[in-house]
């Protein structure tokens, strides 16, 4: 199940506002994650939003490169590190991952840190 479909993307403006106003967050450099447990009729266990600061990365090419790398790492690791925990706990979440690094990181670095972020998120949800 290494896919990343439309249902898994967080697009609902009301949910995004709720996430940023009522959600919890933590830092896992170079990422900042915000998450919120939702109780709606959601099809997938988790919906995610990726963001990269326009202030820090002026060129859209750079922002798109970072988001593309983040999406790919998430797509490959979500099943074993996040979905299994959510299904076992019978929870549904929405979360966002913002890139706060100072320079464009290599894919391997982003992969290692995203795995750490997903593990940390899983432990936060089990509490």
PDB file of N, CA and C in Angstrom:
ATOM      1  N   UNK A   1       0.822  -1.188   0.000  1.00  0.00           N
ATOM      2  CA  UNK A   1       0.000   0.000   0.000  1.00  0.00           C
ATOM      3  C   UNK A   1       0.871   1.258   0.000  1.00  0.00           C
ATOM      4  N   UNK A   2       1.757   1.320  -0.954  1.00  0.00           N
ATOM      5  CA  UNK A   2       2.628   2.489  -1.054  1.00  0.00           C
ATOM      6  C   UNK A   2       2.024   3.494  -2.035  1.00  0.00           C
ATOM      7  N   UNK A   3       0.886   4.043  -1.649  1.00  0.00           N
ATOM      8  CA  UNK A   3       0.237   5.051  -2.486  1.00  0.00           C
ATOM      9  C   UNK A   3      -0.009   6.299  -1.647  1.00  0.00           C
ATOM     10  N   UNK A   4      -0.301   7.385  -2.315  1.00  0.00           N
ATOM     11  CA  UNK A   4      -0.636   8.629  -1.628  1.00  0.00           C
ATOM     12  C   UNK A   4      -1.775   9.273  -2.407  1.00  0.00           C
ATOM     13  N   UNK A   5      -2.984   8.928  -2.029  1.00  0.00           N
ATOM     14  CA  UNK A   5      -4.166   9.336  -2.779  1.00  0.00           C
ATOM     15  C   UNK A   5      -4.737  10.654  -2.273  1.00  0.00           C
ATOM     16  N   UNK A   6      -5.678  11.176  -3.027  1.00  0.00           N
ATOM     17  CA  UNK A   6      -6.332  12.445  -2.715  1.00  0.00           C
ATOM     18  C   UNK A   6      -6.981  12.426  -1.327  1.00  0.00           C
ATOM     19  N   UNK A   7      -7.557  11.291  -0.932  1.00  0.00           N
ATOM     20  CA  UNK A   7      -8.225  11.195   0.367  1.00  0.00           C
ATOM     21  C   UNK A   7      -7.255  11.379   1.529  1.00  0.00           C
ATOM     22  N   UNK A   8      -5.979  11.113   1.282  1.00  0.00           N
ATOM     23  CA  UNK A   8      -4.978  11.220   2.342  1.00  0.00           C
ATOM     24  C   UNK A   8      -4.431  12.637   2.498  1.00  0.00           C
ATOM     25  N   UNK A   9      -4.755  13.513   1.568  1.00  0.00           N
ATOM     26  CA  UNK A   9      -4.287  14.898   1.639  1.00  0.00           C
ATOM     27  C   UNK A   9      -5.290  15.735   2.431  1.00  0.00           C
ATOM     28  N   UNK A  10      -4.796  16.608   3.243  1.00  0.00           N
ATOM     29  CA  UNK A  10      -5.646  17.482   4.042  1.00  0.00           C
ATOM     30  C   UNK A  10      -5.928  18.753   3.246  1.00  0.00           C
ATOM     31  N   UNK A  11      -7.186  18.920   2.813  1.00  0.00           N
ATOM     32  CA  UNK A  11      -7.563  20.065   1.971  1.00  0.00           C
ATOM     33  C   UNK A  11      -8.663  20.912   2.602  1.00  0.00           C
ATOM     34  N   UNK A  12      -9.368  20.378   3.578  1.00  0.00           N
ATOM     35  CA  UNK A  12     -10.507  21.043   4.189  1.00  0.00           C
ATOM     36  C   UNK A  12     -10.042  22.243   5.032  1.00  0.00           C
ATOM     37  N   UNK A  13     -10.451  23.442   4.641  1.00  0.00           N
ATOM     38  CA  UNK A  13     -10.001  24.661   5.322  1.00  0.00           C
ATOM     39  C   UNK A  13     -10.428  24.704   6.792  1.00  0.00           C
ATOM     40  N   UNK A  14     -11.629  24.221   7.089  1.00  0.00           N
ATOM     41  CA  UNK A  14     -12.097  24.218   8.484  1.00  0.00           C
ATOM     42  C   UNK A  14     -11.242  23.285   9.336  1.00  0.00           C
ATOM     43  N   UNK A  15     -10.909  22.117   8.785  1.00  0.00           N
ATOM     44  CA  UNK A  15     -10.056  21.175   9.522  1.00  0.00           C
ATOM     45  C   UNK A  15      -8.647  21.745   9.713  1.00  0.00           C
ATOM     46  N   UNK A  16      -8.137  22.440   8.707  1.00  0.00           N
ATOM     47  CA  UNK A  16      -6.803  23.036   8.815  1.00  0.00           C
ATOM     48  C   UNK A  16      -6.781  24.110   9.904  1.00  0.00           C
ATOM     49  N   UNK A  17      -7.812  24.969   9.936  1.00  0.00           N
ATOM     50  CA  UNK A  17      -7.909  25.979  10.994  1.00  0.00           C
ATOM     51  C   UNK A  17      -7.999  25.335  12.367  1.00  0.00           C
ATOM     52  N   UNK A  18      -8.817  24.305  12.472  1.00  0.00           N
ATOM     53  CA  UNK A  18      -8.974  23.594  13.735  1.00  0.00           C
ATOM     54  C   UNK A  18      -7.644  22.972  14.169  1.00  0.00           C
ATOM     55  N   UNK A  19      -6.926  22.403  13.206  1.00  0.00           N
ATOM     56  CA  UNK A  19      -5.631  21.776  13.489  1.00  0.00           C
ATOM     57  C   UNK A  19      -4.647  22.790  14.057  1.00  0.00           C
ATOM     58  N   UNK A  20      -4.532  23.959  13.430  1.00  0.00           N
ATOM     59  CA  UNK A  20      -3.556  24.947  13.881  1.00  0.00           C
ATOM     60  C   UNK A  20      -3.981  25.675  15.153  1.00  0.00           C
ATOM     61  N   UNK A  21      -5.286  25.739  15.446  1.00  0.00           N
ATOM     62  CA  UNK A  21      -5.738  26.428  16.657  1.00  0.00           C
ATOM     63  C   UNK A  21      -5.855  25.491  17.861  1.00  0.00           C
ATOM     64  N   UNK A  22      -6.280  24.243  17.637  1.00  0.00           N
ATOM     65  CA  UNK A  22      -6.537  23.337  18.757  1.00  0.00           C
ATOM     66  C   UNK A  22      -5.569  22.163  18.844  1.00  0.00           C
ATOM     67  N   UNK A  23      -4.745  21.973  17.845  1.00  0.00           N
ATOM     68  CA  UNK A  23      -3.881  20.798  17.793  1.00  0.00           C
ATOM     69  C   UNK A  23      -2.644  20.905  18.653  1.00  0.00           C
ATOM     70  N   UNK A  24      -1.998  19.772  18.842  1.00  0.00           N
ATOM     71  CA  UNK A  24      -0.721  19.708  19.551  1.00  0.00           C
ATOM     72  C   UNK A  24       0.395  19.733  18.513  1.00  0.00           C
ATOM     73  N   UNK A  25       1.578  20.148  18.933  1.00  0.00           N
ATOM     74  CA  UNK A  25       2.691  20.165  17.989  1.00  0.00           C
ATOM     75  C   UNK A  25       3.988  19.812  18.687  1.00  0.00           C
ATOM     76  N   UNK A  26       4.949  19.393  17.890  1.00  0.00           N
ATOM     77  CA  UNK A  26       6.284  19.114  18.390  1.00  0.00           C
ATOM     78  C   UNK A  26       7.283  19.371  17.275  1.00  0.00           C
ATOM     79  N   UNK A  27       8.538  19.508  17.665  1.00  0.00           N
ATOM     80  CA  UNK A  27       9.604  19.822  16.731  1.00  0.00           C
ATOM     81  C   UNK A  27      10.505  18.610  16.569  1.00  0.00           C
ATOM     82  N   UNK A  28      10.816  18.276  15.338  1.00  0.00           N
ATOM     83  CA  UNK A  28      11.757  17.207  15.023  1.00  0.00           C
ATOM     84  C   UNK A  28      12.558  17.720  13.836  1.00  0.00           C
ATOM     85  N   UNK A  29      13.605  18.503  14.150  1.00  0.00           N
ATOM     86  CA  UNK A  29      14.326  19.235  13.108  1.00  0.00           C
ATOM     87  C   UNK A  29      14.695  18.321  11.955  1.00  0.00           C
ATOM     88  N   UNK A  30      14.460  18.713  10.725  1.00  0.00           N
ATOM     89  CA  UNK A  30      14.042  19.990  10.173  1.00  0.00           C
ATOM     90  C   UNK A  30      12.533  20.124   9.968  1.00  0.00           C
ATOM     91  N   UNK A  31      11.738  19.391  10.751  1.00  0.00           N
ATOM     92  CA  UNK A  31      10.288  19.434  10.595  1.00  0.00           C
ATOM     93  C   UNK A  31       9.604  19.951  11.856  1.00  0.00           C
ATOM     94  N   UNK A  32       8.451  20.566  11.665  1.00  0.00           N
ATOM     95  CA  UNK A  32       7.561  20.901  12.766  1.00  0.00           C
ATOM     96  C   UNK A  32       6.236  20.214  12.457  1.00  0.00           C
ATOM     97  N   UNK A  33       5.791  19.370  13.372  1.00  0.00           N
ATOM     98  CA  UNK A  33       4.563  18.613  13.147  1.00  0.00           C
ATOM     99  C   UNK A  33       3.470  19.103  14.084  1.00  0.00           C
ATOM    100  N   UNK A  34       2.275  19.274  13.536  1.00  0.00           N
ATOM    101  CA  UNK A  34       1.087  19.598  14.317  1.00  0.00           C
ATOM    102  C   UNK A  34       0.075  18.496  14.045  1.00  0.00           C
ATOM    103  N   UNK A  35      -0.598  18.044  15.087  1.00  0.00           N
ATOM    104  CA  UNK A  35      -1.559  16.963  14.895  1.00  0.00           C
ATOM    105  C   UNK A  35      -2.782  17.131  15.774  1.00  0.00           C
ATOM    106  N   UNK A  36      -3.880  16.519  15.340  1.00  0.00           N
ATOM    107  CA  UNK A  36      -5.149  16.618  16.046  1.00  0.00           C
ATOM    108  C   UNK A  36      -5.949  15.344  15.799  1.00  0.00           C
ATOM    109  N   UNK A  37      -6.478  14.779  16.849  1.00  0.00           N
ATOM    110  CA  UNK A  37      -7.342  13.604  16.712  1.00  0.00           C
ATOM    111  C   UNK A  37      -8.725  14.088  16.316  1.00  0.00           C
ATOM    112  N   UNK A  38      -9.286  13.503  15.270  1.00  0.00           N
ATOM    113  CA  UNK A  38     -10.612  13.893  14.790  1.00  0.00           C
ATOM    114  C   UNK A  38     -11.580  12.726  14.966  1.00  0.00           C
ATOM    115  N   UNK A  39     -12.847  13.056  15.069  1.00  0.00           N
ATOM    116  CA  UNK A  39     -13.861  12.026  15.275  1.00  0.00           C
ATOM    117  C   UNK A  39     -14.900  12.039  14.158  1.00  0.00           C
ATOM    118  N   UNK A  40     -14.469  12.382  12.956  1.00  0.00           N
ATOM    119  CA  UNK A  40     -15.379  12.408  11.817  1.00  0.00           C
ATOM    120  C   UNK A  40     -15.367  11.083  11.077  1.00  0.00           C
ATOM    121  N   UNK A  41     -16.194  10.996  10.056  1.00  0.00           N
ATOM    122  CA  UNK A  41     -16.252   9.801   9.217  1.00  0.00           C
ATOM    123  C   UNK A  41     -15.163   9.914   8.148  1.00  0.00           C
ATOM    124  N   UNK A  42     -13.946   9.696   8.557  1.00  0.00           N
ATOM    125  CA  UNK A  42     -12.791   9.824   7.681  1.00  0.00           C
ATOM    126  C   UNK A  42     -12.501   8.464   7.044  1.00  0.00           C
ATOM    127  N   UNK A  43     -12.188   8.450   5.764  1.00  0.00           N
ATOM    128  CA  UNK A  43     -11.941   7.198   5.039  1.00  0.00           C
ATOM    129  C   UNK A  43     -10.600   6.586   5.428  1.00  0.00           C
ATOM    130  N   UNK A  44      -9.573   7.417   5.564  1.00  0.00           N
ATOM    131  CA  UNK A  44      -8.230   6.934   5.877  1.00  0.00           C
ATOM    132  C   UNK A  44      -7.875   7.272   7.324  1.00  0.00           C
ATOM    133  N   UNK A  45      -6.939   6.533   7.924  1.00  0.00           N
ATOM    134  CA  UNK A  45      -6.562   6.807   9.318  1.00  0.00           C
ATOM    135  C   UNK A  45      -5.915   8.164   9.538  1.00  0.00           C
ATOM    136  N   UNK A  46      -5.216   8.685   8.529  1.00  0.00           N
ATOM    137  CA  UNK A  46      -4.518   9.966   8.705  1.00  0.00           C
ATOM    138  C   UNK A  46      -4.602  10.799   7.438  1.00  0.00           C
ATOM    139  N   UNK A  47      -4.847  12.100   7.623  1.00  0.00           N
ATOM    140  CA  UNK A  47      -4.767  13.054   6.527  1.00  0.00           C
ATOM    141  C   UNK A  47      -3.611  13.990   6.839  1.00  0.00           C
ATOM    142  N   UNK A  48      -2.832  14.328   5.818  1.00  0.00           N
ATOM    143  CA  UNK A  48      -1.609  15.093   6.047  1.00  0.00           C
ATOM    144  C   UNK A  48      -1.523  16.299   5.118  1.00  0.00           C
ATOM    145  N   UNK A  49      -0.854  17.327   5.623  1.00  0.00           N
ATOM    146  CA  UNK A  49      -0.608  18.558   4.875  1.00  0.00           C
ATOM    147  C   UNK A  49       0.894  18.833   4.950  1.00  0.00           C
ATOM    148  N   UNK A  50       1.522  19.066   3.805  1.00  0.00           N
ATOM    149  CA  UNK A  50       2.947  19.399   3.759  1.00  0.00           C
ATOM    150  C   UNK A  50       3.088  20.884   3.455  1.00  0.00           C
ATOM    151  N   UNK A  51       3.990  21.558   4.159  1.00  0.00           N
ATOM    152  CA  UNK A  51       4.189  22.981   3.887  1.00  0.00           C
ATOM    153  C   UNK A  51       5.672  23.346   3.967  1.00  0.00           C
ATOM    154  N   UNK A  52       6.038  24.298   3.114  1.00  0.00           N
ATOM    155  CA  UNK A  52       7.391  24.843   3.089  1.00  0.00           C
ATOM    156  C   UNK A  52       7.248  26.359   3.014  1.00  0.00           C
ATOM    157  N   UNK A  53       7.977  27.075   3.837  1.00  0.00           N
ATOM    158  CA  UNK A  53       7.862  28.520   3.951  1.00  0.00           C
ATOM    159  C   UNK A  53       8.289  29.256   2.682  1.00  0.00           C
ATOM    160  N   UNK A  54       7.405  30.120   2.213  1.00  0.00           N
ATOM    161  CA  UNK A  54       7.712  30.952   1.050  1.00  0.00           C
ATOM    162  C   UNK A  54       8.704  32.052   1.433  1.00  0.00           C
ATOM    163  N   UNK A  55       8.694  32.424   2.697  1.00  0.00           N
ATOM    164  CA  UNK A  55       9.604  33.458   3.186  1.00  0.00           C
ATOM    165  C   UNK A  55      11.064  32.968   3.140  1.00  0.00           C
ATOM    166  N   UNK A  56      11.264  31.699   3.489  1.00  0.00           N
ATOM    167  CA  UNK A  56      12.612  31.146   3.531  1.00  0.00           C
ATOM    168  C   UNK A  56      13.082  30.670   2.152  1.00  0.00           C
ATOM    169  N   UNK A  57      12.167  30.080   1.385  1.00  0.00           N
ATOM    170  CA  UNK A  57      12.499  29.578   0.045  1.00  0.00           C
ATOM    171  C   UNK A  57      11.687  30.357  -0.981  1.00  0.00           C
ATOM    172  N   UNK A  58      12.301  31.355  -1.553  1.00  0.00           N
ATOM    173  CA  UNK A  58      11.600  32.262  -2.465  1.00  0.00           C
ATOM    174  C   UNK A  58      11.183  31.573  -3.763  1.00  0.00           C
ATOM    175  N   UNK A  59      12.025  30.693  -4.277  1.00  0.00           N
ATOM    176  CA  UNK A  59      11.761  30.060  -5.566  1.00  0.00           C
ATOM    177  C   UNK A  59      10.841  28.851  -5.405  1.00  0.00           C
ATOM    178  N   UNK A  60       9.805  28.806  -6.212  1.00  0.00           N
ATOM    179  CA  UNK A  60       8.831  27.707  -6.154  1.00  0.00           C
ATOM    180  C   UNK A  60       9.496  26.368  -6.461  1.00  0.00           C
ATOM    181  N   UNK A  61      10.524  26.386  -7.285  1.00  0.00           N
ATOM    182  CA  UNK A  61      11.245  25.158  -7.627  1.00  0.00           C
ATOM    183  C   UNK A  61      11.815  24.512  -6.369  1.00  0.00           C
ATOM    184  N   UNK A  62      12.371  25.319  -5.487  1.00  0.00           N
ATOM    185  CA  UNK A  62      12.957  24.809  -4.253  1.00  0.00           C
ATOM    186  C   UNK A  62      11.878  24.268  -3.316  1.00  0.00           C
ATOM    187  N   UNK A  63      10.791  25.013  -3.166  1.00  0.00           N
ATOM    188  CA  UNK A  63       9.690  24.563  -2.303  1.00  0.00           C
ATOM    189  C   UNK A  63       9.109  23.249  -2.814  1.00  0.00           C
ATOM    190  N   UNK A  64       8.921  23.155  -4.113  1.00  0.00           N
ATOM    191  CA  UNK A  64       8.355  21.938  -4.698  1.00  0.00           C
ATOM    192  C   UNK A  64       9.279  20.748  -4.523  1.00  0.00           C
ATOM    193  N   UNK A  65      10.579  20.956  -4.650  1.00  0.00           N
ATOM    194  CA  UNK A  65      11.548  19.881  -4.461  1.00  0.00           C
ATOM    195  C   UNK A  65      11.471  19.318  -3.042  1.00  0.00           C
ATOM    196  N   UNK A  66      11.431  20.198  -2.074  1.00  0.00           N
ATOM    197  CA  UNK A  66      11.365  19.767  -0.675  1.00  0.00           C
ATOM    198  C   UNK A  66      10.061  19.021  -0.415  1.00  0.00           C
ATOM    199  N   UNK A  67       8.933  19.574  -0.890  1.00  0.00           N
ATOM    200  CA  UNK A  67       7.637  18.909  -0.677  1.00  0.00           C
ATOM    201  C   UNK A  67       7.586  17.557  -1.378  1.00  0.00           C
ATOM    202  N   UNK A  68       8.170  17.467  -2.556  1.00  0.00           N
ATOM    203  CA  UNK A  68       8.197  16.204  -3.288  1.00  0.00           C
ATOM    204  C   UNK A  68       8.971  15.142  -2.510  1.00  0.00           C
ATOM    205  N   UNK A  69      10.089  15.529  -1.946  1.00  0.00           N
ATOM    206  CA  UNK A  69      10.887  14.587  -1.140  1.00  0.00           C
ATOM    207  C   UNK A  69      10.135  14.169   0.125  1.00  0.00           C
ATOM    208  N   UNK A  70       9.483  15.122   0.771  1.00  0.00           N
ATOM    209  CA  UNK A  70       8.724  14.810   1.985  1.00  0.00           C
ATOM    210  C   UNK A  70       7.574  13.848   1.680  1.00  0.00           C
ATOM    211  N   UNK A  71       6.839  14.101   0.595  1.00  0.00           N
ATOM    212  CA  UNK A  71       5.717  13.237   0.212  1.00  0.00           C
ATOM    213  C   UNK A  71       6.181  11.822  -0.099  1.00  0.00           C
ATOM    214  N   UNK A  72       7.296  11.706  -0.801  1.00  0.00           N
ATOM    215  CA  UNK A  72       7.808  10.387  -1.173  1.00  0.00           C
ATOM    216  C   UNK A  72       8.210   9.578   0.059  1.00  0.00           C
ATOM    217  N   UNK A  73       8.905  10.197   0.981  1.00  0.00           N
ATOM    218  CA  UNK A  73       9.313   9.500   2.207  1.00  0.00           C
ATOM    219  C   UNK A  73       8.082   9.100   3.016  1.00  0.00           C
ATOM    220  N   UNK A  74       7.114   9.996   3.121  1.00  0.00           N
ATOM    221  CA  UNK A  74       5.879   9.682   3.850  1.00  0.00           C
ATOM    222  C   UNK A  74       5.146   8.514   3.193  1.00  0.00           C
ATOM    223  N   UNK A  75       5.049   8.546   1.881  1.00  0.00           N
ATOM    224  CA  UNK A  75       4.344   7.509   1.130  1.00  0.00           C
ATOM    225  C   UNK A  75       4.949   6.127   1.396  1.00  0.00           C
ATOM    226  N   UNK A  76       6.265   6.055   1.485  1.00  0.00           N
ATOM    227  CA  UNK A  76       6.936   4.771   1.673  1.00  0.00           C
ATOM    228  C   UNK A  76       6.916   4.279   3.117  1.00  0.00           C
ATOM    229  N   UNK A  77       6.763   5.175   4.085  1.00  0.00           N
ATOM    230  CA  UNK A  77       6.887   4.788   5.490  1.00  0.00           C
ATOM    231  C   UNK A  77       5.605   4.854   6.304  1.00  0.00           C
ATOM    232  N   UNK A  78       4.529   5.394   5.761  1.00  0.00           N
ATOM    233  CA  UNK A  78       3.314   5.622   6.542  1.00  0.00           C
ATOM    234  C   UNK A  78       2.670   4.331   7.043  1.00  0.00           C
ATOM    235  N   UNK A  79       2.685   3.295   6.220  1.00  0.00           N
ATOM    236  CA  UNK A  79       1.970   2.069   6.563  1.00  0.00           C
ATOM    237  C   UNK A  79       2.504   1.427   7.841  1.00  0.00           C
ATOM    238  N   UNK A  80       3.801   1.118   7.861  1.00  0.00           N
ATOM    239  CA  UNK A  80       4.344   0.394   9.015  1.00  0.00           C
ATOM    240  C   UNK A  80       4.574   1.280  10.226  1.00  0.00           C
ATOM    241  N   UNK A  81       4.786   2.581  10.041  1.00  0.00           N
ATOM    242  CA  UNK A  81       5.110   3.413  11.195  1.00  0.00           C
ATOM    243  C   UNK A  81       3.937   4.193  11.762  1.00  0.00           C
ATOM    244  N   UNK A  82       2.883   4.394  10.968  1.00  0.00           N
ATOM    245  CA  UNK A  82       1.785   5.227  11.445  1.00  0.00           C
ATOM    246  C   UNK A  82       0.438   4.517  11.381  1.00  0.00           C
ATOM    247  N   UNK A  83       0.093   3.981  10.220  1.00  0.00           N
ATOM    248  CA  UNK A  83      -1.232   3.407  10.028  1.00  0.00           C
ATOM    249  C   UNK A  83      -1.493   2.208  10.941  1.00  0.00           C
ATOM    250  N   UNK A  84      -0.477   1.380  11.161  1.00  0.00           N
ATOM    251  CA  UNK A  84      -0.659   0.216  12.038  1.00  0.00           C
ATOM    252  C   UNK A  84      -0.986   0.653  13.464  1.00  0.00           C
ATOM    253  N   UNK A  85      -0.327   1.687  13.946  1.00  0.00           N
ATOM    254  CA  UNK A  85      -0.578   2.208  15.294  1.00  0.00           C
ATOM    255  C   UNK A  85      -1.977   2.814  15.379  1.00  0.00           C
ATOM    256  N   UNK A  86      -2.355   3.587  14.356  1.00  0.00           N
ATOM    257  CA  UNK A  86      -3.677   4.227  14.349  1.00  0.00           C
ATOM    258  C   UNK A  86      -4.798   3.200  14.268  1.00  0.00           C
ATOM    259  N   UNK A  87      -4.630   2.181  13.441  1.00  0.00           N
ATOM    260  CA  UNK A  87      -5.657   1.149  13.327  1.00  0.00           C
ATOM    261  C   UNK A  87      -5.783   0.336  14.608  1.00  0.00           C
ATOM    262  N   UNK A  88      -4.669   0.052  15.264  1.00  0.00           N
ATOM    263  CA  UNK A  88      -4.694  -0.687  16.529  1.00  0.00           C
ATOM    264  C   UNK A  88      -5.392   0.122  17.616  1.00  0.00           C
ATOM    265  N   UNK A  89      -5.161   1.449  17.630  1.00  0.00           N
ATOM    266  CA  UNK A  89      -5.770   2.314  18.637  1.00  0.00           C
ATOM    267  C   UNK A  89      -7.164   2.790  18.211  1.00  0.00           C
ATOM    268  N   UNK A  90      -7.557   2.496  16.983  1.00  0.00           N
ATOM    269  CA  UNK A  90      -8.843   2.900  16.418  1.00  0.00           C
ATOM    270  C   UNK A  90      -9.025   4.424  16.504  1.00  0.00           C
ATOM    271  N   UNK A  91      -8.008   5.142  16.011  1.00  0.00           N
ATOM    272  CA  UNK A  91      -8.031   6.609  16.004  1.00  0.00           C
ATOM    273  C   UNK A  91      -7.856   7.121  14.587  1.00  0.00           C
ATOM    274  N   UNK A  92      -8.372   8.318  14.351  1.00  0.00           N
ATOM    275  CA  UNK A  92      -8.195   9.021  13.080  1.00  0.00           C
ATOM    276  C   UNK A  92      -7.589  10.383  13.403  1.00  0.00           C
ATOM    277  N   UNK A  93      -6.586  10.778  12.619  1.00  0.00           N
ATOM    278  CA  UNK A  93      -5.929  12.058  12.887  1.00  0.00           C
ATOM    279  C   UNK A  93      -5.790  12.892  11.609  1.00  0.00           C
ATOM    280  N   UNK A  94      -5.591  14.176  11.824  1.00  0.00           N
ATOM    281  CA  UNK A  94      -5.136  15.080  10.766  1.00  0.00           C
ATOM    282  C   UNK A  94      -3.843  15.688  11.285  1.00  0.00           C
ATOM    283  N   UNK A  95      -2.862  15.834  10.402  1.00  0.00           N
ATOM    284  CA  UNK A  95      -1.626  16.468  10.845  1.00  0.00           C
ATOM    285  C   UNK A  95      -0.925  17.171   9.700  1.00  0.00           C
ATOM    286  N   UNK A  96      -0.065  18.092  10.086  1.00  0.00           N
ATOM    287  CA  UNK A  96       0.701  18.842   9.102  1.00  0.00           C
ATOM    288  C   UNK A  96       2.182  18.706   9.433  1.00  0.00           C
ATOM    289  N   UNK A  97       2.981  18.718   8.384  1.00  0.00           N
ATOM    290  CA  UNK A  97       4.428  18.672   8.540  1.00  0.00           C
ATOM    291  C   UNK A  97       4.988  19.884   7.809  1.00  0.00           C
ATOM    292  N   UNK A  98       5.579  20.794   8.567  1.00  0.00           N
ATOM    293  CA  UNK A  98       6.185  21.981   7.987  1.00  0.00           C
ATOM    294  C   UNK A  98       7.692  21.846   7.976  1.00  0.00           C
ATOM    295  N   UNK A  99       8.298  22.230   6.885  1.00  0.00           N
ATOM    296  CA  UNK A  99       9.758  22.163   6.767  1.00  0.00           C
ATOM    297  C   UNK A  99      10.340  23.475   7.272  1.00  0.00           C
ATOM    298  N   UNK A 100      11.179  23.405   8.301  1.00  0.00           N
ATOM    299  CA  UNK A 100      11.751  24.617   8.890  1.00  0.00           C
ATOM    300  C   UNK A 100      13.277  24.660   8.770  1.00  0.00           C
ATOM    301  N   UNK A 101      13.845  23.757   7.974  1.00  0.00           N
ATOM    302  CA  UNK A 101      15.294  23.709   7.790  1.00  0.00           C
ATOM    303  C   UNK A 101      15.815  24.937   7.066  1.00  0.00           C
ATOM    304  N   UNK A 102      17.086  25.226   7.258  1.00  0.00           N
ATOM    305  CA  UNK A 102      17.686  26.419   6.655  1.00  0.00           C
ATOM    306  C   UNK A 102      18.143  26.190   5.220  1.00  0.00           C
ATOM    307  N   UNK A 103      18.470  24.937   4.868  1.00  0.00           N
ATOM    308  CA  UNK A 103      18.858  24.660   3.489  1.00  0.00           C
ATOM    309  C   UNK A 103      18.164  23.386   3.006  1.00  0.00           C
ATOM    310  N   UNK A 104      18.188  23.186   1.711  1.00  0.00           N
ATOM    311  CA  UNK A 104      17.525  22.023   1.107  1.00  0.00           C
ATOM    312  C   UNK A 104      18.325  20.781   1.477  1.00  0.00           C
ATOM    313  N   UNK A 105      17.680  19.865   2.180  1.00  0.00           N
ATOM    314  CA  UNK A 105      18.354  18.667   2.666  1.00  0.00           C
ATOM    315  C   UNK A 105      18.318  17.569   1.619  1.00  0.00           C
ATOM    316  N   UNK A 106      19.265  16.657   1.721  1.00  0.00           N
ATOM    317  CA  UNK A 106      19.319  15.493   0.835  1.00  0.00           C
ATOM    318  C   UNK A 106      18.178  14.537   1.174  1.00  0.00           C
ATOM    319  N   UNK A 107      17.811  13.717   0.225  1.00  0.00           N
ATOM    320  CA  UNK A 107      16.709  12.770   0.396  1.00  0.00           C
ATOM    321  C   UNK A 107      16.955  11.840   1.584  1.00  0.00           C
ATOM    322  N   UNK A 108      18.179  11.349   1.728  1.00  0.00           N
ATOM    323  CA  UNK A 108      18.502  10.402   2.804  1.00  0.00           C
ATOM    324  C   UNK A 108      18.298  11.036   4.183  1.00  0.00           C
ATOM    325  N   UNK A 109      18.678  12.301   4.318  1.00  0.00           N
ATOM    326  CA  UNK A 109      18.504  13.013   5.578  1.00  0.00           C
ATOM    327  C   UNK A 109      17.015  13.198   5.879  1.00  0.00           C
ATOM    328  N   UNK A 110      16.251  13.608   4.862  1.00  0.00           N
ATOM    329  CA  UNK A 110      14.810  13.792   5.033  1.00  0.00           C
ATOM    330  C   UNK A 110      14.147  12.475   5.389  1.00  0.00           C
ATOM    331  N   UNK A 111      14.598  11.392   4.774  1.00  0.00           N
ATOM    332  CA  UNK A 111      14.037  10.067   5.058  1.00  0.00           C
ATOM    333  C   UNK A 111      14.268   9.671   6.512  1.00  0.00           C
ATOM    334  N   UNK A 112      15.484   9.847   6.988  1.00  0.00           N
ATOM    335  CA  UNK A 112      15.825   9.489   8.370  1.00  0.00           C
ATOM    336  C   UNK A 112      15.005  10.311   9.366  1.00  0.00           C
ATOM    337  N   UNK A 113      14.893  11.611   9.123  1.00  0.00           N
ATOM    338  CA  UNK A 113      14.173  12.491  10.039  1.00  0.00           C
ATOM    339  C   UNK A 113      12.661  12.273   9.983  1.00  0.00           C
ATOM    340  N   UNK A 114      12.113  11.965   8.803  1.00  0.00           N
ATOM    341  CA  UNK A 114      10.677  11.707   8.686  1.00  0.00           C
ATOM    342  C   UNK A 114      10.315  10.414   9.416  1.00  0.00           C
ATOM    343  N   UNK A 115      11.180   9.411   9.342  1.00  0.00           N
ATOM    344  CA  UNK A 115      10.940   8.170  10.086  1.00  0.00           C
ATOM    345  C   UNK A 115      10.934   8.452  11.586  1.00  0.00           C
ATOM    346  N   UNK A 116      11.850   9.292  12.032  1.00  0.00           N
ATOM    347  CA  UNK A 116      11.898   9.666  13.443  1.00  0.00           C
ATOM    348  C   UNK A 116      10.626  10.420  13.838  1.00  0.00           C
ATOM    349  N   UNK A 117      10.167  11.332  12.962  1.00  0.00           N
ATOM    350  CA  UNK A 117       8.959  12.108  13.221  1.00  0.00           C
ATOM    351  C   UNK A 117       7.733  11.191  13.319  1.00  0.00           C
ATOM    352  N   UNK A 118       7.607  10.236  12.406  1.00  0.00           N
ATOM    353  CA  UNK A 118       6.458   9.316  12.428  1.00  0.00           C
ATOM    354  C   UNK A 118       6.477   8.436  13.670  1.00  0.00           C
ATOM    355  N   UNK A 119       7.658   8.013  14.091  1.00  0.00           N
ATOM    356  CA  UNK A 119       7.777   7.228  15.322  1.00  0.00           C
ATOM    357  C   UNK A 119       7.380   8.056  16.533  1.00  0.00           C
ATOM    358  N   UNK A 120       7.839   9.300  16.567  1.00  0.00           N
ATOM    359  CA  UNK A 120       7.498  10.194  17.679  1.00  0.00           C
ATOM    360  C   UNK A 120       5.994  10.469  17.702  1.00  0.00           C
ATOM    361  N   UNK A 121       5.389  10.667  16.548  1.00  0.00           N
ATOM    362  CA  UNK A 121       3.959  10.892  16.458  1.00  0.00           C
ATOM    363  C   UNK A 121       3.180   9.674  16.941  1.00  0.00           C
ATOM    364  N   UNK A 122       3.646   8.504  16.579  1.00  0.00           N
ATOM    365  CA  UNK A 122       2.996   7.264  17.022  1.00  0.00           C
ATOM    366  C   UNK A 122       3.026   7.139  18.538  1.00  0.00           C
ATOM    367  N   UNK A 123       4.147   7.468  19.157  1.00  0.00           N
ATOM    368  CA  UNK A 123       4.236   7.376  20.614  1.00  0.00           C
ATOM    369  C   UNK A 123       3.339   8.424  21.288  1.00  0.00           C
ATOM    370  N   UNK A 124       3.225   9.606  20.671  1.00  0.00           N
ATOM    371  CA  UNK A 124       2.342  10.642  21.223  1.00  0.00           C
ATOM    372  C   UNK A 124       0.881  10.179  21.176  1.00  0.00           C
ATOM    373  N   UNK A 125       0.513   9.472  20.134  1.00  0.00           N
ATOM    374  CA  UNK A 125      -0.877   9.032  19.971  1.00  0.00           C
ATOM    375  C   UNK A 125      -1.236   7.900  20.928  1.00  0.00           C
ATOM    376  N   UNK A 126      -0.279   7.087  21.295  1.00  0.00           N
ATOM    377  CA  UNK A 126      -0.523   5.959  22.192  1.00  0.00           C
ATOM    378  C   UNK A 126      -0.749   6.426  23.618  1.00  0.00           C
ATOM    379  N   UNK A 127      -0.146   7.556  23.998  1.00  0.00           N
ATOM    380  CA  UNK A 127      -0.259   8.082  25.367  1.00  0.00           C
ATOM    381  C   UNK A 127      -1.702   8.288  25.768  1.00  0.00           C
TER     382      UNK A 127
END
